[in-house]
């Protein structure tokens, strides 16, 4: 049985864009789509209509939202199998739990500031930092669906990216039949620059060569049926990758297991999620 692709909704425009993208992606992979609305609706009891129907008003609204989202997905991709759930729990916990048995989680980059605050930026960041499956945060204006960007390219950040991120990138590029650009950022520490005109640039060249060798090593097991393009770029990865995303259909970054005193989500992934111009996939190491 194929694991489902899970999409979180709250009725906001970003979450509806996430539904469009998720419907396309589910079709591309031949996966069922599971639409989830999470809300602690018992906080909103008291409306006369809710009392007369025996249901909290927010629950009625949540059921309307998931039905509308499911209808939107089916209208967009009639062949996709869609299921829905309304979960009485905070969004980050409900979606993270759904992700334990999912191919991936799709969320908007922000959501409503009202009912339960579902899919606010903090929820997306929490999922990207801690979910056990790939998390796709829908950003940018390159088309709202996964298939809309098929004529573009996919970018994967190659630095300390775990092998899982590269495997995910290979699979997505193959399915979409688009080029995959593997980008390795590099920097020359300021204290190693020199002032002598005959030596200027030498340290930079050495760091660039090292980056190229590390990139080749990381891509040693790349499949031959993927149009793989290699690029090194000077600068911090948290600047290089958002710049690369401007002409991309998808940006993929990895997430390693943090050390004892390290944050769950590294600086690169954190910055990319805030500034990328296309959908971003954060792939955990264990996938």
C-alpha atoms as a PDB file:
ATOM      1  CA  UNK A   1       0.000   0.000   0.000  1.00  0.00           C
ATOM      2  CA  UNK A   2       1.363   3.415  -0.965  1.00  0.00           C
ATOM      3  CA  UNK A   3       1.859   5.896   1.839  1.00  0.00           C
ATOM      4  CA  UNK A   4      -0.327   8.982   1.368  1.00  0.00           C
ATOM      5  CA  UNK A   5       0.788  12.521   0.710  1.00  0.00           C
ATOM      6  CA  UNK A   6      -0.610  14.655   3.535  1.00  0.00           C
ATOM      7  CA  UNK A   7      -1.604  18.298   3.068  1.00  0.00           C
ATOM      8  CA  UNK A   8      -2.567  20.626   5.901  1.00  0.00           C
ATOM      9  CA  UNK A   9      -5.382  23.098   5.248  1.00  0.00           C
ATOM     10  CA  UNK A  10      -7.107  25.951   7.067  1.00  0.00           C
ATOM     11  CA  UNK A  11      -9.034  27.629   4.257  1.00  0.00           C
ATOM     12  CA  UNK A  12      -6.431  30.345   3.659  1.00  0.00           C
ATOM     13  CA  UNK A  13      -5.124  31.077   0.174  1.00  0.00           C
ATOM     14  CA  UNK A  14      -1.645  29.642   0.920  1.00  0.00           C
ATOM     15  CA  UNK A  15      -3.214  26.404   2.121  1.00  0.00           C
ATOM     16  CA  UNK A  16      -5.352  26.180  -1.032  1.00  0.00           C
ATOM     17  CA  UNK A  17      -2.204  26.611  -3.116  1.00  0.00           C
ATOM     18  CA  UNK A  18      -0.736  23.770  -1.072  1.00  0.00           C
ATOM     19  CA  UNK A  19      -3.762  21.633  -1.976  1.00  0.00           C
ATOM     20  CA  UNK A  20      -3.202  22.325  -5.689  1.00  0.00           C
ATOM     21  CA  UNK A  21       0.462  21.421  -5.444  1.00  0.00           C
ATOM     22  CA  UNK A  22      -0.251  18.320  -3.369  1.00  0.00           C
ATOM     23  CA  UNK A  23      -2.900  17.084  -5.821  1.00  0.00           C
ATOM     24  CA  UNK A  24      -0.394  17.369  -8.663  1.00  0.00           C
ATOM     25  CA  UNK A  25       2.337  15.688  -6.653  1.00  0.00           C
ATOM     26  CA  UNK A  26       0.050  12.841  -5.589  1.00  0.00           C
ATOM     27  CA  UNK A  27      -0.878  12.283  -9.235  1.00  0.00           C
ATOM     28  CA  UNK A  28       2.771  12.398 -10.285  1.00  0.00           C
ATOM     29  CA  UNK A  29       3.694   9.729  -7.730  1.00  0.00           C
ATOM     30  CA  UNK A  30       0.493   7.698  -7.933  1.00  0.00           C
ATOM     31  CA  UNK A  31      -0.230   8.341  -4.256  1.00  0.00           C
ATOM     32  CA  UNK A  32      -3.452   8.886  -2.305  1.00  0.00           C
ATOM     33  CA  UNK A  33      -3.937  12.391  -0.894  1.00  0.00           C
ATOM     34  CA  UNK A  34      -4.936  12.946   2.738  1.00  0.00           C
ATOM     35  CA  UNK A  35      -6.322  16.405   3.636  1.00  0.00           C
ATOM     36  CA  UNK A  36      -5.996  17.359   7.314  1.00  0.00           C
ATOM     37  CA  UNK A  37      -7.491  20.229   9.300  1.00  0.00           C
ATOM     38  CA  UNK A  38      -6.294  20.428  12.900  1.00  0.00           C
ATOM     39  CA  UNK A  39      -8.021  22.647  15.440  1.00  0.00           C
ATOM     40  CA  UNK A  40      -8.803  22.729  19.136  1.00  0.00           C
ATOM     41  CA  UNK A  41     -12.390  23.623  18.337  1.00  0.00           C
ATOM     42  CA  UNK A  42     -13.671  23.157  21.883  1.00  0.00           C
ATOM     43  CA  UNK A  43     -12.264  26.621  22.589  1.00  0.00           C
ATOM     44  CA  UNK A  44     -14.926  28.080  20.302  1.00  0.00           C
ATOM     45  CA  UNK A  45     -18.097  26.506  21.714  1.00  0.00           C
ATOM     46  CA  UNK A  46     -21.084  28.680  22.546  1.00  0.00           C
ATOM     47  CA  UNK A  47     -22.658  29.803  19.268  1.00  0.00           C
ATOM     48  CA  UNK A  48     -26.416  29.300  19.085  1.00  0.00           C
ATOM     49  CA  UNK A  49     -26.158  27.385  15.823  1.00  0.00           C
ATOM     50  CA  UNK A  50     -23.574  25.076  17.275  1.00  0.00           C
ATOM     51  CA  UNK A  51     -25.750  24.355  20.315  1.00  0.00           C
ATOM     52  CA  UNK A  52     -28.771  23.615  18.183  1.00  0.00           C
ATOM     53  CA  UNK A  53     -26.811  21.176  16.049  1.00  0.00           C
ATOM     54  CA  UNK A  54     -24.908  19.675  18.931  1.00  0.00           C
ATOM     55  CA  UNK A  55     -21.546  20.532  17.366  1.00  0.00           C
ATOM     56  CA  UNK A  56     -19.040  23.303  18.067  1.00  0.00           C
ATOM     57  CA  UNK A  57     -19.216  26.027  15.410  1.00  0.00           C
ATOM     58  CA  UNK A  58     -15.510  25.729  14.643  1.00  0.00           C
ATOM     59  CA  UNK A  59     -15.982  22.020  13.975  1.00  0.00           C
ATOM     60  CA  UNK A  60     -18.667  22.811  11.435  1.00  0.00           C
ATOM     61  CA  UNK A  61     -16.348  25.284   9.787  1.00  0.00           C
ATOM     62  CA  UNK A  62     -13.458  22.813   9.785  1.00  0.00           C
ATOM     63  CA  UNK A  63     -15.602  20.157   8.112  1.00  0.00           C
ATOM     64  CA  UNK A  64     -16.607  22.686   5.463  1.00  0.00           C
ATOM     65  CA  UNK A  65     -12.962  23.560   4.865  1.00  0.00           C
ATOM     66  CA  UNK A  66     -11.756  19.986   4.396  1.00  0.00           C
ATOM     67  CA  UNK A  67     -14.708  19.163   2.137  1.00  0.00           C
ATOM     68  CA  UNK A  68     -13.960  22.210  -0.005  1.00  0.00           C
ATOM     69  CA  UNK A  69     -10.258  21.325  -0.125  1.00  0.00           C
ATOM     70  CA  UNK A  70     -11.016  17.733  -1.117  1.00  0.00           C
ATOM     71  CA  UNK A  71     -13.400  18.933  -3.814  1.00  0.00           C
ATOM     72  CA  UNK A  72     -10.735  21.306  -5.110  1.00  0.00           C
ATOM     73  CA  UNK A  73      -8.191  18.489  -5.289  1.00  0.00           C
ATOM     74  CA  UNK A  74     -10.612  16.160  -7.111  1.00  0.00           C
ATOM     75  CA  UNK A  75     -11.595  18.865  -9.578  1.00  0.00           C
ATOM     76  CA  UNK A  76      -7.949  19.515 -10.330  1.00  0.00           C
ATOM     77  CA  UNK A  77      -6.917  15.855 -10.523  1.00  0.00           C
ATOM     78  CA  UNK A  78     -10.011  13.627 -10.948  1.00  0.00           C
ATOM     79  CA  UNK A  79      -8.010  10.419 -10.652  1.00  0.00           C
ATOM     80  CA  UNK A  80      -6.473  11.183  -7.271  1.00  0.00           C
ATOM     81  CA  UNK A  81      -7.855   9.306  -4.256  1.00  0.00           C
ATOM     82  CA  UNK A  82      -8.679  11.857  -1.542  1.00  0.00           C
ATOM     83  CA  UNK A  83      -9.457  11.295   2.137  1.00  0.00           C
ATOM     84  CA  UNK A  84     -10.021  13.903   4.841  1.00  0.00           C
ATOM     85  CA  UNK A  85      -9.651  14.306   8.581  1.00  0.00           C
ATOM     86  CA  UNK A  86     -10.520  16.941  11.164  1.00  0.00           C
ATOM     87  CA  UNK A  87      -8.281  16.474  14.187  1.00  0.00           C
ATOM     88  CA  UNK A  88      -8.927  18.039  17.626  1.00  0.00           C
ATOM     89  CA  UNK A  89      -5.308  18.940  18.236  1.00  0.00           C
ATOM     90  CA  UNK A  90      -2.737  21.669  17.626  1.00  0.00           C
ATOM     91  CA  UNK A  91      -1.697  21.695  13.984  1.00  0.00           C
ATOM     92  CA  UNK A  92       1.993  20.951  14.436  1.00  0.00           C
ATOM     93  CA  UNK A  93       1.305  17.875  16.552  1.00  0.00           C
ATOM     94  CA  UNK A  94      -1.477  16.509  14.348  1.00  0.00           C
ATOM     95  CA  UNK A  95       0.444  16.971  11.113  1.00  0.00           C
ATOM     96  CA  UNK A  96       3.699  15.640  12.555  1.00  0.00           C
ATOM     97  CA  UNK A  97       1.890  12.496  13.682  1.00  0.00           C
ATOM     98  CA  UNK A  98       0.258  12.115  10.264  1.00  0.00           C
ATOM     99  CA  UNK A  99       3.707  12.431   8.744  1.00  0.00           C
ATOM    100  CA  UNK A 100       4.941   9.312  10.496  1.00  0.00           C
ATOM    101  CA  UNK A 101       2.945   7.249   8.003  1.00  0.00           C
ATOM    102  CA  UNK A 102       3.214   9.537   4.978  1.00  0.00           C
ATOM    103  CA  UNK A 103       5.294  10.008   1.845  1.00  0.00           C
ATOM    104  CA  UNK A 104       5.496  13.696   2.730  1.00  0.00           C
ATOM    105  CA  UNK A 105       3.766  16.695   4.309  1.00  0.00           C
ATOM    106  CA  UNK A 106       2.665  19.688   2.223  1.00  0.00           C
ATOM    107  CA  UNK A 107       1.909  23.015   3.906  1.00  0.00           C
ATOM    108  CA  UNK A 108       1.495  26.646   2.961  1.00  0.00           C
ATOM    109  CA  UNK A 109       4.103  29.136   4.044  1.00  0.00           C
ATOM    110  CA  UNK A 110       1.596  30.925   6.254  1.00  0.00           C
ATOM    111  CA  UNK A 111      -2.047  30.642   7.259  1.00  0.00           C
ATOM    112  CA  UNK A 112      -4.897  32.347   9.001  1.00  0.00           C
ATOM    113  CA  UNK A 113      -4.333  34.350  12.148  1.00  0.00           C
ATOM    114  CA  UNK A 114      -7.760  33.313  13.372  1.00  0.00           C
ATOM    115  CA  UNK A 115      -9.097  29.825  13.997  1.00  0.00           C
ATOM    116  CA  UNK A 116      -6.355  27.828  15.728  1.00  0.00           C
ATOM    117  CA  UNK A 117      -3.679  29.647  13.742  1.00  0.00           C
ATOM    118  CA  UNK A 118      -3.259  26.622  11.495  1.00  0.00           C
ATOM    119  CA  UNK A 119      -0.377  26.779   9.067  1.00  0.00           C
ATOM    120  CA  UNK A 120       1.133  29.940  10.432  1.00  0.00           C
ATOM    121  CA  UNK A 121       4.788  30.237   9.595  1.00  0.00           C
ATOM    122  CA  UNK A 122       5.699  28.804  12.975  1.00  0.00           C
ATOM    123  CA  UNK A 123       3.781  25.610  12.204  1.00  0.00           C
ATOM    124  CA  UNK A 124       5.578  25.138   8.894  1.00  0.00           C
ATOM    125  CA  UNK A 125       8.927  25.755  10.579  1.00  0.00           C
ATOM    126  CA  UNK A 126       8.122  23.334  13.392  1.00  0.00           C
ATOM    127  CA  UNK A 127       7.225  20.608  10.911  1.00  0.00           C
ATOM    128  CA  UNK A 128      10.297  21.257   8.765  1.00  0.00           C
ATOM    129  CA  UNK A 129      12.470  20.974  11.871  1.00  0.00           C
ATOM    130  CA  UNK A 130      10.982  17.852  13.377  1.00  0.00           C
ATOM    131  CA  UNK A 131       8.856  15.768  10.989  1.00  0.00           C
ATOM    132  CA  UNK A 132      10.099  12.297  10.139  1.00  0.00           C
ATOM    133  CA  UNK A 133       9.154  12.609   6.459  1.00  0.00           C
ATOM    134  CA  UNK A 134       9.944  15.224   3.802  1.00  0.00           C
ATOM    135  CA  UNK A 135       8.145  18.534   4.393  1.00  0.00           C
ATOM    136  CA  UNK A 136       7.204  20.651   1.372  1.00  0.00           C
ATOM    137  CA  UNK A 137       6.518  24.335   2.074  1.00  0.00           C
ATOM    138  CA  UNK A 138       4.806  26.036  -0.846  1.00  0.00           C
ATOM    139  CA  UNK A 139       6.473  29.323  -1.692  1.00  0.00           C
ATOM    140  CA  UNK A 140       6.861  31.513  -4.770  1.00  0.00           C
ATOM    141  CA  UNK A 141       4.695  32.273  -7.777  1.00  0.00           C
ATOM    142  CA  UNK A 142       5.966  29.796 -10.373  1.00  0.00           C
ATOM    143  CA  UNK A 143       2.564  28.143 -10.644  1.00  0.00           C
ATOM    144  CA  UNK A 144       0.590  26.611  -7.808  1.00  0.00           C
ATOM    145  CA  UNK A 145       1.051  22.989  -8.771  1.00  0.00           C
ATOM    146  CA  UNK A 146       3.820  20.443  -8.922  1.00  0.00           C
ATOM    147  CA  UNK A 147       3.198  19.819 -12.610  1.00  0.00           C
ATOM    148  CA  UNK A 148       3.026  23.511 -13.490  1.00  0.00           C
ATOM    149  CA  UNK A 149       6.791  23.779 -13.066  1.00  0.00           C
ATOM    150  CA  UNK A 150       7.743  20.756 -15.149  1.00  0.00           C
ATOM    151  CA  UNK A 151       9.533  22.911 -17.707  1.00  0.00           C
ATOM    152  CA  UNK A 152      11.790  24.373 -15.004  1.00  0.00           C
ATOM    153  CA  UNK A 153      14.517  22.668 -13.071  1.00  0.00           C
ATOM    154  CA  UNK A 154      15.090  21.288  -9.608  1.00  0.00           C
ATOM    155  CA  UNK A 155      17.857  22.604  -7.366  1.00  0.00           C
ATOM    156  CA  UNK A 156      19.394  20.587  -4.543  1.00  0.00           C
ATOM    157  CA  UNK A 157      21.784  22.075  -2.034  1.00  0.00           C
ATOM    158  CA  UNK A 158      24.894  19.933  -1.650  1.00  0.00           C
ATOM    159  CA  UNK A 159      26.935  20.813   1.386  1.00  0.00           C
ATOM    160  CA  UNK A 160      26.386  18.625   4.355  1.00  0.00           C
ATOM    161  CA  UNK A 161      23.179  17.365   2.793  1.00  0.00           C
ATOM    162  CA  UNK A 162      22.339  13.813   3.830  1.00  0.00           C
ATOM    163  CA  UNK A 163      22.113  11.172   1.131  1.00  0.00           C
ATOM    164  CA  UNK A 164      18.331  11.074   1.632  1.00  0.00           C
ATOM    165  CA  UNK A 165      18.010  14.594   0.197  1.00  0.00           C
ATOM    166  CA  UNK A 166      19.973  13.621  -2.903  1.00  0.00           C
ATOM    167  CA  UNK A 167      17.895  10.472  -3.410  1.00  0.00           C
ATOM    168  CA  UNK A 168      14.720  12.536  -3.132  1.00  0.00           C
ATOM    169  CA  UNK A 169      16.096  15.050  -5.641  1.00  0.00           C
ATOM    170  CA  UNK A 170      17.034  12.339  -8.143  1.00  0.00           C
ATOM    171  CA  UNK A 171      13.556  10.821  -7.940  1.00  0.00           C
ATOM    172  CA  UNK A 172      11.767  14.148  -8.381  1.00  0.00           C
ATOM    173  CA  UNK A 173      13.903  15.165 -11.355  1.00  0.00           C
ATOM    174  CA  UNK A 174      13.328  11.792 -12.998  1.00  0.00           C
ATOM    175  CA  UNK A 175       9.541  11.942 -12.515  1.00  0.00           C
ATOM    176  CA  UNK A 176       9.299  15.488 -13.843  1.00  0.00           C
ATOM    177  CA  UNK A 177      11.810  14.866 -16.657  1.00  0.00           C
ATOM    178  CA  UNK A 178      13.630  18.102 -15.805  1.00  0.00           C
ATOM    179  CA  UNK A 179      17.296  18.922 -15.141  1.00  0.00           C
ATOM    180  CA  UNK A 180      18.635  18.658 -11.613  1.00  0.00           C
ATOM    181  CA  UNK A 181      21.131  21.324 -10.587  1.00  0.00           C
ATOM    182  CA  UNK A 182      23.342  20.306  -7.680  1.00  0.00           C
ATOM    183  CA  UNK A 183      24.760  23.419  -6.025  1.00  0.00           C
ATOM    184  CA  UNK A 184      27.724  23.506  -3.660  1.00  0.00           C
ATOM    185  CA  UNK A 185      28.377  26.843  -1.971  1.00  0.00           C
ATOM    186  CA  UNK A 186      31.878  27.758  -0.860  1.00  0.00           C
ATOM    187  CA  UNK A 187      33.571  30.620   0.960  1.00  0.00           C
ATOM    188  CA  UNK A 188      37.120  31.857   1.391  1.00  0.00           C
ATOM    189  CA  UNK A 189      37.655  32.904   5.009  1.00  0.00           C
ATOM    190  CA  UNK A 190      38.506  36.599   5.232  1.00  0.00           C
ATOM    191  CA  UNK A 191      41.666  35.984   7.270  1.00  0.00           C
ATOM    192  CA  UNK A 192      43.167  33.980   4.399  1.00  0.00           C
ATOM    193  CA  UNK A 193      42.960  36.728   1.782  1.00  0.00           C
ATOM    194  CA  UNK A 194      46.277  38.272   0.767  1.00  0.00           C
ATOM    195  CA  UNK A 195      47.291  41.730  -0.378  1.00  0.00           C
ATOM    196  CA  UNK A 196      50.177  40.869  -2.692  1.00  0.00           C
ATOM    197  CA  UNK A 197      49.012  41.368  -6.315  1.00  0.00           C
ATOM    198  CA  UNK A 198      50.699  38.156  -7.502  1.00  0.00           C
ATOM    199  CA  UNK A 199      48.970  36.066  -4.866  1.00  0.00           C
ATOM    200  CA  UNK A 200      45.527  37.638  -4.903  1.00  0.00           C
ATOM    201  CA  UNK A 201      42.842  35.038  -5.651  1.00  0.00           C
ATOM    202  CA  UNK A 202      44.999  31.992  -4.891  1.00  0.00           C
ATOM    203  CA  UNK A 203      43.222  31.053  -1.625  1.00  0.00           C
ATOM    204  CA  UNK A 204      39.853  31.524  -3.321  1.00  0.00           C
ATOM    205  CA  UNK A 205      40.859  29.205  -6.166  1.00  0.00           C
ATOM    206  CA  UNK A 206      41.884  26.516  -3.682  1.00  0.00           C
ATOM    207  CA  UNK A 207      38.557  26.710  -1.849  1.00  0.00           C
ATOM    208  CA  UNK A 208      36.659  26.589  -5.133  1.00  0.00           C
ATOM    209  CA  UNK A 209      38.615  23.506  -6.228  1.00  0.00           C
ATOM    210  CA  UNK A 210      37.927  21.853  -2.895  1.00  0.00           C
ATOM    211  CA  UNK A 211      34.204  22.584  -3.267  1.00  0.00           C
ATOM    212  CA  UNK A 212      34.201  21.065  -6.769  1.00  0.00           C
ATOM    213  CA  UNK A 213      35.869  17.883  -5.477  1.00  0.00           C
ATOM    214  CA  UNK A 214      33.409  17.626  -2.591  1.00  0.00           C
ATOM    215  CA  UNK A 215      30.528  18.092  -5.003  1.00  0.00           C
ATOM    216  CA  UNK A 216      31.802  15.298  -7.250  1.00  0.00           C
ATOM    217  CA  UNK A 217      32.220  12.994  -4.262  1.00  0.00           C
ATOM    218  CA  UNK A 218      28.681  13.680  -3.044  1.00  0.00           C
ATOM    219  CA  UNK A 219      27.275  12.909  -6.496  1.00  0.00           C
ATOM    220  CA  UNK A 220      29.352   9.777  -7.092  1.00  0.00           C
ATOM    221  CA  UNK A 221      26.298   7.509  -6.915  1.00  0.00           C
ATOM    222  CA  UNK A 222      24.012   9.688  -9.039  1.00  0.00           C
ATOM    223  CA  UNK A 223      21.814   7.673 -11.437  1.00  0.00           C
ATOM    224  CA  UNK A 224      22.649   7.978 -15.115  1.00  0.00           C
ATOM    225  CA  UNK A 225      19.059   8.605 -16.180  1.00  0.00           C
ATOM    226  CA  UNK A 226      18.960  12.028 -14.483  1.00  0.00           C
ATOM    227  CA  UNK A 227      20.082  15.165 -16.314  1.00  0.00           C
ATOM    228  CA  UNK A 228      22.488  16.252 -13.579  1.00  0.00           C
ATOM    229  CA  UNK A 229      24.202  19.624 -13.679  1.00  0.00           C
ATOM    230  CA  UNK A 230      26.922  20.583 -11.211  1.00  0.00           C
ATOM    231  CA  UNK A 231      27.644  24.100 -10.002  1.00  0.00           C
ATOM    232  CA  UNK A 232      29.805  25.642  -7.317  1.00  0.00           C
ATOM    233  CA  UNK A 233      29.014  29.172  -6.169  1.00  0.00           C
ATOM    234  CA  UNK A 234      30.926  31.540  -3.951  1.00  0.00           C
ATOM    235  CA  UNK A 235      29.061  32.751  -0.900  1.00  0.00           C
ATOM    236  CA  UNK A 236      27.151  31.360   2.080  1.00  0.00           C
ATOM    237  CA  UNK A 237      24.663  28.632   1.208  1.00  0.00           C
ATOM    238  CA  UNK A 238      21.862  30.594   2.867  1.00  0.00           C
ATOM    239  CA  UNK A 239      22.358  33.251   0.161  1.00  0.00           C
ATOM    240  CA  UNK A 240      23.354  31.043  -2.776  1.00  0.00           C
ATOM    241  CA  UNK A 241      20.360  28.700  -2.575  1.00  0.00           C
ATOM    242  CA  UNK A 242      17.575  31.335  -2.429  1.00  0.00           C
ATOM    243  CA  UNK A 243      19.212  32.993  -5.444  1.00  0.00           C
ATOM    244  CA  UNK A 244      19.235  29.661  -7.302  1.00  0.00           C
ATOM    245  CA  UNK A 245      15.546  29.158  -6.475  1.00  0.00           C
ATOM    246  CA  UNK A 246      14.481  32.117  -8.633  1.00  0.00           C
ATOM    247  CA  UNK A 247      14.577  30.006 -11.775  1.00  0.00           C
ATOM    248  CA  UNK A 248      13.653  26.691 -10.174  1.00  0.00           C
ATOM    249  CA  UNK A 249      10.458  24.686  -9.836  1.00  0.00           C
ATOM    250  CA  UNK A 250      11.615  23.067  -6.599  1.00  0.00           C
ATOM    251  CA  UNK A 251      14.440  23.570  -4.085  1.00  0.00           C
ATOM    252  CA  UNK A 252      15.549  20.621  -1.971  1.00  0.00           C
ATOM    253  CA  UNK A 253      17.656  20.812   1.175  1.00  0.00           C
ATOM    254  CA  UNK A 254      18.607  18.203   3.737  1.00  0.00           C
ATOM    255  CA  UNK A 255      18.213  18.183   7.503  1.00  0.00           C
ATOM    256  CA  UNK A 256      20.692  16.277   9.618  1.00  0.00           C
ATOM    257  CA  UNK A 257      20.115  14.957  13.105  1.00  0.00           C
ATOM    258  CA  UNK A 258      21.110  17.799  15.418  1.00  0.00           C
ATOM    259  CA  UNK A 259      23.800  17.459  18.041  1.00  0.00           C
ATOM    260  CA  UNK A 260      23.121  17.902  21.727  1.00  0.00           C
ATOM    261  CA  UNK A 261      23.306  21.700  21.619  1.00  0.00           C
ATOM    262  CA  UNK A 262      22.377  22.281  17.984  1.00  0.00           C
ATOM    263  CA  UNK A 263      19.013  23.606  16.714  1.00  0.00           C
ATOM    264  CA  UNK A 264      16.619  21.184  15.044  1.00  0.00           C
ATOM    265  CA  UNK A 265      16.615  23.215  11.837  1.00  0.00           C
ATOM    266  CA  UNK A 266      19.939  24.515  10.543  1.00  0.00           C
ATOM    267  CA  UNK A 267      20.556  28.101   9.484  1.00  0.00           C
ATOM    268  CA  UNK A 268      20.561  27.234   5.787  1.00  0.00           C
ATOM    269  CA  UNK A 269      17.182  25.479   5.820  1.00  0.00           C
ATOM    270  CA  UNK A 270      15.716  28.163   8.080  1.00  0.00           C
ATOM    271  CA  UNK A 271      16.776  30.972   5.731  1.00  0.00           C
ATOM    272  CA  UNK A 272      15.710  29.104   2.595  1.00  0.00           C
ATOM    273  CA  UNK A 273      12.238  28.525   4.026  1.00  0.00           C
ATOM    274  CA  UNK A 274      11.870  32.267   4.551  1.00  0.00           C
ATOM    275  CA  UNK A 275      13.340  33.540   1.293  1.00  0.00           C
ATOM    276  CA  UNK A 276      13.105  30.920  -1.480  1.00  0.00           C
ATOM    277  CA  UNK A 277      11.200  31.866  -4.629  1.00  0.00           C
ATOM    278  CA  UNK A 278       9.815  28.360  -5.222  1.00  0.00           C
ATOM    279  CA  UNK A 279       8.475  25.445  -3.150  1.00  0.00           C
ATOM    280  CA  UNK A 280      11.049  24.085  -0.689  1.00  0.00           C
ATOM    281  CA  UNK A 281      11.465  20.468   0.396  1.00  0.00           C
ATOM    282  CA  UNK A 282      13.239  19.740   3.673  1.00  0.00           C
ATOM    283  CA  UNK A 283      14.319  16.092   3.739  1.00  0.00           C
ATOM    284  CA  UNK A 284      15.324  14.556   7.083  1.00  0.00           C
ATOM    285  CA  UNK A 285      18.378  12.352   7.265  1.00  0.00           C
ATOM    286  CA  UNK A 286      16.518   9.194   8.241  1.00  0.00           C
ATOM    287  CA  UNK A 287      14.254   9.059   5.142  1.00  0.00           C
END
